[in-house]
N, C-alpha and C. Protein backbone atom coordinates (compact mmCIF):
# COMPACT_ATOMS: atom_id res chain seq x y z
N UNK A 1 72.19 112.46 75.77
CA UNK A 1 71.28 112.27 74.66
C UNK A 1 69.97 111.67 75.15
N UNK A 2 70.00 110.75 76.10
CA UNK A 2 68.78 110.12 76.57
C UNK A 2 67.82 111.13 77.18
N UNK A 3 68.33 112.18 77.79
CA UNK A 3 67.46 113.20 78.39
C UNK A 3 66.66 113.94 77.34
N UNK A 4 67.11 113.93 76.11
CA UNK A 4 66.42 114.65 75.05
C UNK A 4 65.39 113.81 74.33
N UNK A 5 65.32 112.53 74.62
CA UNK A 5 64.38 111.66 73.93
C UNK A 5 62.97 112.22 74.06
N UNK A 6 62.23 112.21 72.94
CA UNK A 6 60.86 112.68 72.93
C UNK A 6 60.72 114.19 72.77
N UNK A 7 61.81 114.94 72.80
CA UNK A 7 61.72 116.39 72.70
C UNK A 7 61.96 116.91 71.28
N UNK A 8 62.52 116.08 70.41
CA UNK A 8 62.80 116.52 69.06
C UNK A 8 61.63 116.14 68.16
N UNK A 9 61.34 116.98 67.20
CA UNK A 9 60.33 116.63 66.22
C UNK A 9 60.84 116.85 64.81
N UNK A 10 62.01 117.46 64.69
CA UNK A 10 62.56 117.76 63.37
C UNK A 10 64.00 117.27 63.29
N UNK A 11 64.33 116.66 62.16
CA UNK A 11 65.68 116.23 61.86
C UNK A 11 66.20 117.11 60.73
N UNK A 12 67.30 117.80 60.97
CA UNK A 12 67.92 118.67 59.96
C UNK A 12 69.11 117.94 59.37
N UNK A 13 69.15 117.87 58.05
CA UNK A 13 70.24 117.17 57.37
C UNK A 13 70.71 118.01 56.19
N UNK A 14 72.00 118.30 56.11
CA UNK A 14 72.51 119.06 54.96
C UNK A 14 72.29 118.28 53.67
N UNK A 15 71.99 118.98 52.61
CA UNK A 15 71.76 118.30 51.32
C UNK A 15 72.99 117.52 50.87
N UNK A 16 74.18 117.99 51.26
CA UNK A 16 75.41 117.26 50.89
C UNK A 16 75.48 115.90 51.60
N UNK A 17 75.02 115.82 52.84
CA UNK A 17 75.01 114.56 53.57
C UNK A 17 73.93 113.64 52.99
N UNK A 18 72.79 114.20 52.67
CA UNK A 18 71.73 113.41 52.05
C UNK A 18 72.22 112.84 50.73
N UNK A 19 72.95 113.62 49.96
CA UNK A 19 73.49 113.15 48.68
C UNK A 19 74.52 112.04 48.89
N UNK A 20 75.34 112.17 49.92
CA UNK A 20 76.33 111.14 50.24
C UNK A 20 75.64 109.81 50.60
N UNK A 21 74.57 109.89 51.39
CA UNK A 21 73.81 108.69 51.75
C UNK A 21 73.20 108.07 50.49
N UNK A 22 72.61 108.92 49.65
CA UNK A 22 71.99 108.44 48.41
C UNK A 22 73.01 107.77 47.50
N UNK A 23 74.16 108.40 47.32
CA UNK A 23 75.21 107.82 46.47
C UNK A 23 75.64 106.45 47.00
N UNK A 24 75.81 106.34 48.30
CA UNK A 24 76.23 105.09 48.90
C UNK A 24 75.15 104.02 48.72
N UNK A 25 73.90 104.41 48.89
CA UNK A 25 72.80 103.47 48.71
C UNK A 25 72.78 102.92 47.29
N UNK A 26 72.90 103.82 46.29
CA UNK A 26 72.86 103.37 44.89
C UNK A 26 74.10 102.54 44.55
N UNK A 27 75.24 102.88 45.12
CA UNK A 27 76.47 102.10 44.90
C UNK A 27 76.33 100.69 45.47
N UNK A 28 75.55 100.53 46.54
CA UNK A 28 75.39 99.24 47.22
C UNK A 28 74.34 98.33 46.58
N UNK A 29 73.50 98.88 45.72
CA UNK A 29 72.45 98.07 45.10
C UNK A 29 73.06 96.87 44.40
N UNK A 30 72.43 95.72 44.41
CA UNK A 30 71.06 95.45 44.90
C UNK A 30 71.00 95.14 46.39
N UNK A 31 72.12 95.21 47.10
CA UNK A 31 72.14 94.91 48.53
C UNK A 31 71.63 96.09 49.35
N UNK A 32 71.24 95.78 50.57
CA UNK A 32 70.88 96.85 51.50
C UNK A 32 72.16 97.56 51.92
N UNK A 33 72.11 98.88 51.94
CA UNK A 33 73.22 99.70 52.43
C UNK A 33 72.96 100.02 53.89
N UNK A 34 74.03 100.28 54.64
CA UNK A 34 73.84 100.67 56.03
C UNK A 34 74.99 101.57 56.48
N UNK A 35 74.74 102.30 57.55
CA UNK A 35 75.72 103.20 58.12
C UNK A 35 75.12 103.95 59.29
N UNK A 36 75.85 104.95 59.74
CA UNK A 36 75.37 105.75 60.86
C UNK A 36 75.47 107.23 60.51
N UNK A 37 74.67 108.02 61.22
CA UNK A 37 74.73 109.47 61.08
C UNK A 37 75.20 110.04 62.40
N UNK A 38 76.01 111.08 62.29
CA UNK A 38 76.59 111.74 63.46
C UNK A 38 76.15 113.19 63.47
N UNK A 39 76.10 113.79 64.64
CA UNK A 39 75.69 115.18 64.75
C UNK A 39 75.42 115.55 66.19
N UNK A 40 74.33 116.30 66.41
CA UNK A 40 73.99 116.70 67.78
C UNK A 40 72.47 116.76 67.94
N UNK A 41 72.04 116.46 69.15
CA UNK A 41 70.62 116.52 69.49
C UNK A 41 70.43 117.61 70.52
N UNK A 42 69.42 118.44 70.32
CA UNK A 42 69.08 119.51 71.25
C UNK A 42 67.57 119.68 71.24
N UNK A 43 67.06 120.45 72.17
CA UNK A 43 65.62 120.63 72.27
C UNK A 43 65.02 121.20 70.99
N UNK A 44 65.79 121.95 70.21
CA UNK A 44 65.27 122.53 68.96
C UNK A 44 65.26 121.58 67.79
N UNK A 45 65.79 120.39 67.95
CA UNK A 45 65.81 119.42 66.86
C UNK A 45 67.12 118.66 66.84
N UNK A 46 67.20 117.74 65.92
CA UNK A 46 68.39 116.91 65.75
C UNK A 46 69.08 117.37 64.48
N UNK A 47 70.38 117.68 64.58
CA UNK A 47 71.14 118.15 63.43
C UNK A 47 72.20 117.13 63.06
N UNK A 48 72.09 116.64 61.83
CA UNK A 48 73.06 115.68 61.31
C UNK A 48 74.18 116.47 60.65
N UNK A 49 75.42 116.06 60.89
CA UNK A 49 76.55 116.74 60.24
C UNK A 49 77.38 115.79 59.38
N UNK A 50 77.21 114.47 59.60
CA UNK A 50 78.06 113.52 58.88
C UNK A 50 77.40 112.17 58.72
N UNK A 51 77.73 111.49 57.62
CA UNK A 51 77.31 110.10 57.39
C UNK A 51 78.55 109.23 57.35
N UNK A 52 78.50 108.11 58.03
CA UNK A 52 79.61 107.15 58.02
C UNK A 52 79.08 105.81 57.50
N UNK A 53 79.43 105.44 56.26
CA UNK A 53 79.01 104.12 55.77
C UNK A 53 79.65 103.01 56.60
N UNK A 54 78.92 101.92 56.76
CA UNK A 54 79.43 100.73 57.44
C UNK A 54 79.07 99.53 56.57
N UNK A 55 80.01 98.61 56.44
CA UNK A 55 79.77 97.43 55.62
C UNK A 55 78.60 96.61 56.16
N UNK A 56 77.79 96.11 55.25
CA UNK A 56 76.69 95.23 55.58
C UNK A 56 77.22 93.79 55.55
N UNK A 57 77.26 93.14 56.70
CA UNK A 57 77.78 91.77 56.78
C UNK A 57 76.67 90.76 57.06
N UNK A 58 75.43 91.11 56.75
CA UNK A 58 74.32 90.18 56.95
C UNK A 58 74.51 88.95 56.05
N UNK A 59 74.11 87.79 56.53
CA UNK A 59 74.21 86.59 55.70
C UNK A 59 73.42 86.71 54.40
N UNK A 60 72.32 87.47 54.41
CA UNK A 60 71.52 87.70 53.21
C UNK A 60 71.39 89.21 52.99
N UNK A 61 72.45 89.87 52.48
CA UNK A 61 72.45 91.33 52.37
C UNK A 61 71.47 91.89 51.33
N UNK A 62 70.86 91.02 50.54
CA UNK A 62 69.85 91.49 49.60
C UNK A 62 68.56 91.85 50.33
N UNK A 63 68.36 91.27 51.52
CA UNK A 63 67.09 91.46 52.23
C UNK A 63 67.25 91.89 53.68
N UNK A 64 68.49 91.98 54.17
CA UNK A 64 68.72 92.31 55.57
C UNK A 64 69.99 93.16 55.70
N UNK A 65 70.13 93.79 56.86
CA UNK A 65 71.39 94.47 57.12
C UNK A 65 71.90 94.12 58.50
N UNK A 66 73.21 94.09 58.59
CA UNK A 66 73.90 93.88 59.87
C UNK A 66 75.19 94.69 59.79
N UNK A 67 75.35 95.61 60.71
CA UNK A 67 76.54 96.46 60.72
C UNK A 67 77.78 95.64 61.06
N UNK A 68 78.87 95.86 60.31
CA UNK A 68 80.13 95.20 60.61
C UNK A 68 80.56 95.66 62.00
N UNK A 69 80.81 94.71 62.89
CA UNK A 69 80.97 95.00 64.32
C UNK A 69 82.12 95.96 64.64
N UNK A 70 83.30 95.76 64.08
CA UNK A 70 84.44 96.63 64.41
C UNK A 70 84.18 98.07 63.94
N UNK A 71 83.60 98.23 62.75
CA UNK A 71 83.29 99.58 62.24
C UNK A 71 82.23 100.24 63.12
N UNK A 72 81.22 99.46 63.52
CA UNK A 72 80.14 99.97 64.38
C UNK A 72 80.71 100.45 65.71
N UNK A 73 81.57 99.65 66.33
CA UNK A 73 82.15 100.02 67.63
C UNK A 73 82.99 101.30 67.51
N UNK A 74 83.76 101.44 66.43
CA UNK A 74 84.54 102.67 66.22
C UNK A 74 83.62 103.89 66.15
N UNK A 75 82.49 103.76 65.49
CA UNK A 75 81.56 104.89 65.34
C UNK A 75 80.93 105.30 66.67
N UNK A 76 80.77 104.36 67.57
CA UNK A 76 80.16 104.68 68.87
C UNK A 76 80.99 105.73 69.61
N UNK A 77 82.30 105.71 69.41
CA UNK A 77 83.19 106.60 70.16
C UNK A 77 83.67 107.80 69.34
N UNK A 78 83.10 108.02 68.16
CA UNK A 78 83.53 109.14 67.32
C UNK A 78 82.90 110.45 67.76
N UNK A 79 83.53 111.51 67.33
CA UNK A 79 82.95 112.85 67.45
C UNK A 79 82.66 113.33 66.04
N UNK A 80 81.59 114.02 65.74
CA UNK A 80 80.51 114.36 66.66
C UNK A 80 79.76 113.12 67.13
N UNK A 81 78.74 113.34 67.92
CA UNK A 81 78.00 112.28 68.58
C UNK A 81 77.25 111.40 67.59
N UNK A 82 77.25 110.11 67.89
CA UNK A 82 76.45 109.15 67.14
C UNK A 82 74.98 109.45 67.40
N UNK A 83 74.23 109.71 66.33
CA UNK A 83 72.83 110.11 66.45
C UNK A 83 71.88 109.00 65.99
N UNK A 84 72.23 108.33 64.88
CA UNK A 84 71.28 107.36 64.35
C UNK A 84 71.89 106.37 63.39
N UNK A 85 71.07 105.43 63.00
CA UNK A 85 71.46 104.40 62.04
C UNK A 85 70.67 104.61 60.74
N UNK A 86 71.31 104.28 59.63
CA UNK A 86 70.67 104.33 58.31
C UNK A 86 70.75 102.95 57.68
N UNK A 87 69.70 102.56 57.00
CA UNK A 87 69.77 101.41 56.10
C UNK A 87 68.76 101.61 54.98
N UNK A 88 68.95 100.84 53.93
CA UNK A 88 68.08 101.01 52.77
C UNK A 88 67.14 99.82 52.60
N UNK A 89 66.05 100.09 51.95
CA UNK A 89 65.12 99.08 51.47
C UNK A 89 65.16 99.17 49.94
N UNK A 90 66.01 98.38 49.30
CA UNK A 90 66.21 98.52 47.85
C UNK A 90 64.97 98.28 46.99
N UNK A 91 64.04 97.44 47.46
CA UNK A 91 62.90 97.09 46.63
C UNK A 91 61.55 97.52 47.21
N UNK A 92 61.55 98.14 48.38
CA UNK A 92 60.28 98.53 48.99
C UNK A 92 60.36 99.98 49.48
N UNK A 93 59.24 100.48 49.90
CA UNK A 93 59.17 101.85 50.41
C UNK A 93 59.99 101.97 51.71
N UNK A 94 60.43 103.18 52.05
CA UNK A 94 61.24 103.37 53.26
C UNK A 94 60.40 103.42 54.54
N UNK A 95 59.64 102.37 54.74
CA UNK A 95 58.80 102.25 55.93
C UNK A 95 59.35 101.13 56.80
N UNK A 96 59.26 101.26 58.12
CA UNK A 96 59.81 100.23 58.99
C UNK A 96 59.15 98.87 58.75
N UNK A 97 59.97 97.87 58.58
CA UNK A 97 59.47 96.50 58.44
C UNK A 97 59.34 95.89 59.83
N UNK A 98 58.70 94.75 59.90
CA UNK A 98 58.60 94.03 61.16
C UNK A 98 59.99 93.68 61.68
N UNK A 99 60.88 93.32 60.78
CA UNK A 99 62.26 93.01 61.19
C UNK A 99 62.96 94.26 61.75
N UNK A 100 62.71 95.43 61.14
CA UNK A 100 63.28 96.68 61.67
C UNK A 100 62.83 96.92 63.11
N UNK A 101 61.55 96.71 63.36
CA UNK A 101 61.00 96.91 64.71
C UNK A 101 61.62 95.92 65.69
N UNK A 102 61.76 94.67 65.28
CA UNK A 102 62.33 93.65 66.17
C UNK A 102 63.80 93.93 66.48
N UNK A 103 64.52 94.61 65.57
CA UNK A 103 65.94 94.91 65.77
C UNK A 103 66.17 96.16 66.62
N UNK A 104 65.15 96.91 66.94
CA UNK A 104 65.32 98.17 67.67
C UNK A 104 66.08 98.04 68.99
N UNK A 105 65.89 96.99 69.78
CA UNK A 105 66.66 96.91 71.03
C UNK A 105 68.17 96.91 70.81
N UNK A 106 68.63 96.50 69.63
CA UNK A 106 70.06 96.51 69.32
C UNK A 106 70.61 97.93 69.34
N UNK A 107 69.81 98.90 68.89
CA UNK A 107 70.27 100.28 68.72
C UNK A 107 69.68 101.26 69.73
N UNK A 108 68.54 100.94 70.28
CA UNK A 108 67.74 101.92 71.01
C UNK A 108 68.44 102.56 72.20
N UNK A 109 69.31 101.86 72.87
CA UNK A 109 69.99 102.47 74.01
C UNK A 109 71.01 103.51 73.62
N UNK A 110 71.46 103.48 72.38
CA UNK A 110 72.53 104.38 71.92
C UNK A 110 72.07 105.48 70.98
N UNK A 111 70.94 105.31 70.34
CA UNK A 111 70.55 106.18 69.23
C UNK A 111 69.20 106.84 69.42
N UNK A 112 69.05 107.99 68.77
CA UNK A 112 67.76 108.69 68.74
C UNK A 112 67.01 108.45 67.44
N UNK A 113 67.76 108.23 66.34
CA UNK A 113 67.18 108.32 65.00
C UNK A 113 67.38 107.03 64.22
N UNK A 114 66.37 106.68 63.43
CA UNK A 114 66.39 105.52 62.56
C UNK A 114 66.00 106.02 61.17
N UNK A 115 66.92 105.96 60.23
CA UNK A 115 66.68 106.44 58.86
C UNK A 115 66.55 105.26 57.91
N UNK A 116 65.58 105.35 57.02
CA UNK A 116 65.40 104.34 55.98
C UNK A 116 65.31 105.05 54.64
N UNK A 117 66.11 104.58 53.68
CA UNK A 117 66.09 105.15 52.33
C UNK A 117 65.71 104.09 51.31
N UNK A 118 65.05 104.53 50.25
CA UNK A 118 64.68 103.65 49.14
C UNK A 118 64.90 104.40 47.84
N UNK A 119 65.28 103.67 46.78
CA UNK A 119 65.40 104.33 45.48
C UNK A 119 64.02 104.77 45.00
N UNK A 120 63.98 105.95 44.39
CA UNK A 120 62.77 106.38 43.71
C UNK A 120 62.83 105.69 42.36
N UNK A 121 61.85 104.86 42.09
CA UNK A 121 61.86 104.13 40.82
C UNK A 121 61.49 105.10 39.70
N UNK A 122 62.38 105.26 38.72
CA UNK A 122 62.20 106.30 37.70
C UNK A 122 60.95 106.09 36.84
N UNK A 123 60.17 107.16 36.79
CA UNK A 123 59.04 107.17 35.86
C UNK A 123 59.37 108.07 34.67
N UNK A 124 60.44 108.82 34.84
CA UNK A 124 60.95 109.63 33.74
C UNK A 124 62.45 109.82 33.95
N UNK A 125 63.12 110.46 33.06
CA UNK A 125 64.58 110.58 33.14
C UNK A 125 65.04 111.53 34.24
N UNK A 126 64.16 112.37 34.81
CA UNK A 126 64.57 113.33 35.83
C UNK A 126 64.67 112.72 37.23
N UNK A 127 64.07 111.53 37.44
CA UNK A 127 64.09 110.95 38.78
C UNK A 127 65.14 109.85 38.92
N UNK A 128 66.06 109.75 37.99
CA UNK A 128 67.11 108.73 38.05
C UNK A 128 68.03 108.98 39.24
N UNK A 129 68.33 107.93 39.99
CA UNK A 129 69.20 107.96 41.16
C UNK A 129 68.75 108.96 42.23
N UNK A 130 67.47 109.00 42.49
CA UNK A 130 66.93 109.81 43.58
C UNK A 130 66.53 108.87 44.72
N UNK A 131 66.68 109.37 45.93
CA UNK A 131 66.36 108.58 47.11
C UNK A 131 65.16 109.17 47.84
N UNK A 132 64.31 108.29 48.31
CA UNK A 132 63.21 108.66 49.19
C UNK A 132 63.69 108.32 50.60
N UNK A 133 63.85 109.32 51.46
CA UNK A 133 64.41 109.13 52.79
C UNK A 133 63.35 109.46 53.84
N UNK A 134 63.15 108.51 54.77
CA UNK A 134 62.23 108.72 55.88
C UNK A 134 63.02 108.67 57.18
N UNK A 135 62.63 109.51 58.14
CA UNK A 135 63.31 109.58 59.43
C UNK A 135 62.32 109.26 60.54
N UNK A 136 62.82 108.54 61.54
CA UNK A 136 62.00 108.13 62.67
C UNK A 136 62.79 108.35 63.96
N UNK A 137 62.07 108.72 65.01
CA UNK A 137 62.68 108.80 66.33
C UNK A 137 62.44 107.48 67.04
N UNK A 138 63.48 106.95 67.68
CA UNK A 138 63.35 105.72 68.46
C UNK A 138 62.82 106.11 69.83
N UNK A 139 61.65 105.59 70.17
CA UNK A 139 61.04 105.86 71.47
C UNK A 139 60.95 104.57 72.26
N UNK A 140 61.02 104.70 73.56
CA UNK A 140 60.90 103.52 74.42
C UNK A 140 59.90 103.81 75.53
N UNK A 141 59.26 102.76 75.98
CA UNK A 141 58.33 102.87 77.10
C UNK A 141 58.40 101.57 77.89
N UNK A 142 58.49 101.70 79.21
CA UNK A 142 58.46 100.50 80.05
C UNK A 142 57.03 100.01 80.12
N UNK A 143 56.88 98.72 79.88
CA UNK A 143 55.53 98.15 79.91
C UNK A 143 55.03 97.98 81.34
N UNK A 144 55.90 97.48 82.21
CA UNK A 144 55.53 97.35 83.62
C UNK A 144 56.71 97.78 84.47
N UNK A 145 56.46 98.44 85.59
CA UNK A 145 57.57 98.94 86.41
C UNK A 145 58.42 97.83 87.03
N UNK A 146 57.88 96.62 87.17
CA UNK A 146 58.62 95.53 87.82
C UNK A 146 59.63 94.84 86.92
N UNK A 147 59.47 94.96 85.61
CA UNK A 147 60.35 94.26 84.69
C UNK A 147 61.62 95.05 84.44
N UNK A 148 62.72 94.35 84.16
CA UNK A 148 63.98 95.01 83.82
C UNK A 148 63.93 95.46 82.37
N UNK A 149 65.06 95.35 81.66
CA UNK A 149 65.13 95.76 80.26
C UNK A 149 64.17 94.97 79.38
N UNK A 150 63.80 93.77 79.80
CA UNK A 150 62.89 92.96 79.01
C UNK A 150 61.50 93.58 78.93
N UNK A 151 61.17 94.48 79.84
CA UNK A 151 59.87 95.11 79.84
C UNK A 151 59.81 96.39 79.03
N UNK A 152 60.88 96.71 78.29
CA UNK A 152 60.90 97.94 77.50
C UNK A 152 60.41 97.63 76.09
N UNK A 153 59.48 98.44 75.64
CA UNK A 153 58.96 98.32 74.28
C UNK A 153 59.49 99.49 73.47
N UNK A 154 60.02 99.21 72.28
CA UNK A 154 60.55 100.25 71.40
C UNK A 154 59.63 100.44 70.21
N UNK A 155 59.52 101.67 69.77
CA UNK A 155 58.72 101.97 68.58
C UNK A 155 59.38 103.12 67.82
N UNK A 156 58.98 103.27 66.58
CA UNK A 156 59.49 104.34 65.73
C UNK A 156 58.39 105.34 65.48
N UNK A 157 58.68 106.60 65.77
CA UNK A 157 57.75 107.69 65.53
C UNK A 157 58.31 108.56 64.40
N UNK A 158 57.49 108.89 63.40
CA UNK A 158 57.99 109.71 62.28
C UNK A 158 58.54 111.06 62.77
N UNK A 159 59.66 111.44 62.18
CA UNK A 159 60.26 112.76 62.42
C UNK A 159 60.09 113.59 61.16
N UNK A 160 59.93 114.88 61.34
CA UNK A 160 59.92 115.77 60.20
C UNK A 160 61.36 115.90 59.71
N UNK A 161 61.56 115.76 58.42
CA UNK A 161 62.90 115.79 57.82
C UNK A 161 63.03 117.09 57.05
N UNK A 162 64.08 117.87 57.39
CA UNK A 162 64.33 119.14 56.70
C UNK A 162 65.73 119.14 56.12
N UNK A 163 65.83 119.36 54.80
CA UNK A 163 67.13 119.48 54.14
C UNK A 163 67.61 120.91 54.30
N UNK A 164 68.90 121.06 54.62
CA UNK A 164 69.46 122.41 54.79
C UNK A 164 70.54 122.66 53.77
């Protein structure tokens, strides 16, 4: 998977998986929801095939997320391949927060994708329980050749999201 970093620009997600993520997010409100997505990465894009919810065990789950460790470890070894992490921003737009950026080293060695979902706040009856989902590719760059892992900087680059 690491060899493919930087080569994908599109994330393909079945509408059924997107709906499963959305349902889980709304079920978790007002807390942040979290989980992982599984699938495959190839030069033509990243294809998600499954969502696995994981309990949020953060001390303040209304404003933060922390994956339950045993569930997270099980997902690392599942098939299909672990592709990315999902979490929700229940009260804000699905844009990376400063805390999201600071947490990237936790996931960056294992994952390509960082998904953030937020509820679409209803302005009419047709937008009830809709999710706004943004996808990002986790990119890394060594700041200086002499430094070890401490010299790696992680950032999130927007991915094109396509529902299938």
